[in-house]
Protein backbone atom coordinates (compact mmCIF):
# COMPACT_ATOMS: atom_id res chain seq x y z
CA MET A 1 0.26 0.08 -0.01
CA ASN A 2 1.52 3.39 -1.15
CA VAL A 3 0.35 6.09 1.28
CA ILE A 4 2.11 9.07 1.20
CA MET A 5 1.87 11.37 4.11
CA THR A 6 2.57 14.93 3.49
CA ASN A 7 4.01 17.75 6.03
CA PHE A 8 0.61 19.38 5.62
CA ASN A 9 -1.38 16.50 7.11
CA LEU A 10 1.04 16.42 10.26
CA GLU A 11 0.84 20.23 10.60
CA SER A 12 -3.02 20.35 10.14
CA ARG A 13 -3.54 17.61 13.17
CA LYS A 14 -1.05 19.58 15.49
CA THR A 15 -2.84 22.90 14.84
CA SER A 16 -6.57 21.48 15.39
CA ARG A 17 -5.27 20.34 18.67
CA THR A 18 -3.93 23.36 19.87
CA LYS A 19 -6.67 25.41 18.72
CA ASN A 20 -7.47 28.63 20.59
CA TRP A 21 -10.97 29.21 21.25
CA GLU A 22 -10.50 33.14 21.43
CA GLY A 23 -14.51 33.71 21.78
CA LEU A 24 -14.72 31.47 24.73
CA SER A 25 -11.90 32.75 26.57
CA GLU A 26 -13.74 35.77 28.03
CA ILE A 27 -16.28 33.53 29.42
CA ASP A 28 -13.91 30.81 30.76
CA GLN A 29 -12.06 33.77 32.52
CA ALA A 30 -15.74 34.91 33.95
CA ILE A 31 -16.09 31.57 35.40
CA ARG A 32 -12.93 31.47 36.98
CA ASP A 33 -13.51 34.89 38.55
CA ASN A 34 -16.84 33.77 39.60
CA ARG A 35 -18.61 36.55 37.82
CA LEU A 36 -20.62 35.05 35.23
CA MET A 37 -23.87 36.77 36.01
CA GLU A 38 -22.10 40.01 35.76
CA TYR A 39 -20.62 39.10 32.16
CA ARG A 40 -24.08 38.12 31.13
CA VAL A 41 -25.72 41.11 32.27
CA LYS A 42 -23.11 43.74 30.52
CA LYS A 43 -23.13 41.77 27.41
CA SER A 44 -27.02 41.84 27.49
CA TRP A 45 -26.81 45.39 28.22
CA ALA A 46 -24.41 46.34 25.53
CA ASP A 47 -26.69 44.90 22.77
CA PRO A 48 -29.50 47.19 21.77
CA TRP A 49 -32.22 44.50 21.42
CA GLY A 50 -31.00 43.16 24.99
CA ARG A 51 -31.23 46.55 26.25
CA LYS A 52 -34.75 47.14 24.90
CA LEU A 53 -35.93 43.69 26.25
CA SER A 54 -34.41 44.29 29.52
CA ILE A 55 -36.44 47.57 29.93
CA ALA A 56 -39.51 46.04 28.75
CA VAL A 57 -39.42 43.37 31.09
CA LEU A 58 -38.48 45.56 34.01
CA LEU A 59 -41.37 48.09 32.85
CA LEU A 60 -43.97 45.19 32.72
CA PHE A 61 -42.88 43.89 36.28
CA LEU A 62 -43.37 47.52 37.80
CA ILE A 63 -46.48 47.84 36.20
CA PHE A 64 -47.78 44.49 37.42
CA VAL A 65 -46.28 45.38 40.99
CA GLY A 66 -48.18 48.69 41.03
CA PHE A 67 -51.34 47.07 39.85
CA VAL A 68 -51.28 44.56 42.70
CA VAL A 69 -50.58 47.58 45.22
CA TYR A 70 -53.22 49.65 43.79
CA TRP A 71 -55.58 46.63 43.86
CA ASP A 72 -54.85 45.63 47.26
CA LEU A 73 -55.38 49.31 48.58
CA ILE A 74 -58.65 49.53 47.16
CA LYS A 75 -59.96 45.96 48.29
CA GLY A 76 -58.10 45.87 51.62
């Protein structure tokens, strides 16, 4: 059987094993520092859609709390 293994095949195997996941390095550092929730909040707030969704959820929650307090004062 004549199989020729080129240097390219050897190099591609080495580089695939030592591949650095740069996108996950920040999350990994956040986990090590035990600040994953802070990381998620900052990333969500930096995203315009995430910011709008956070404001909408907080606004709905405040409206609900206001309604419950108002209804309790009227009925109570």
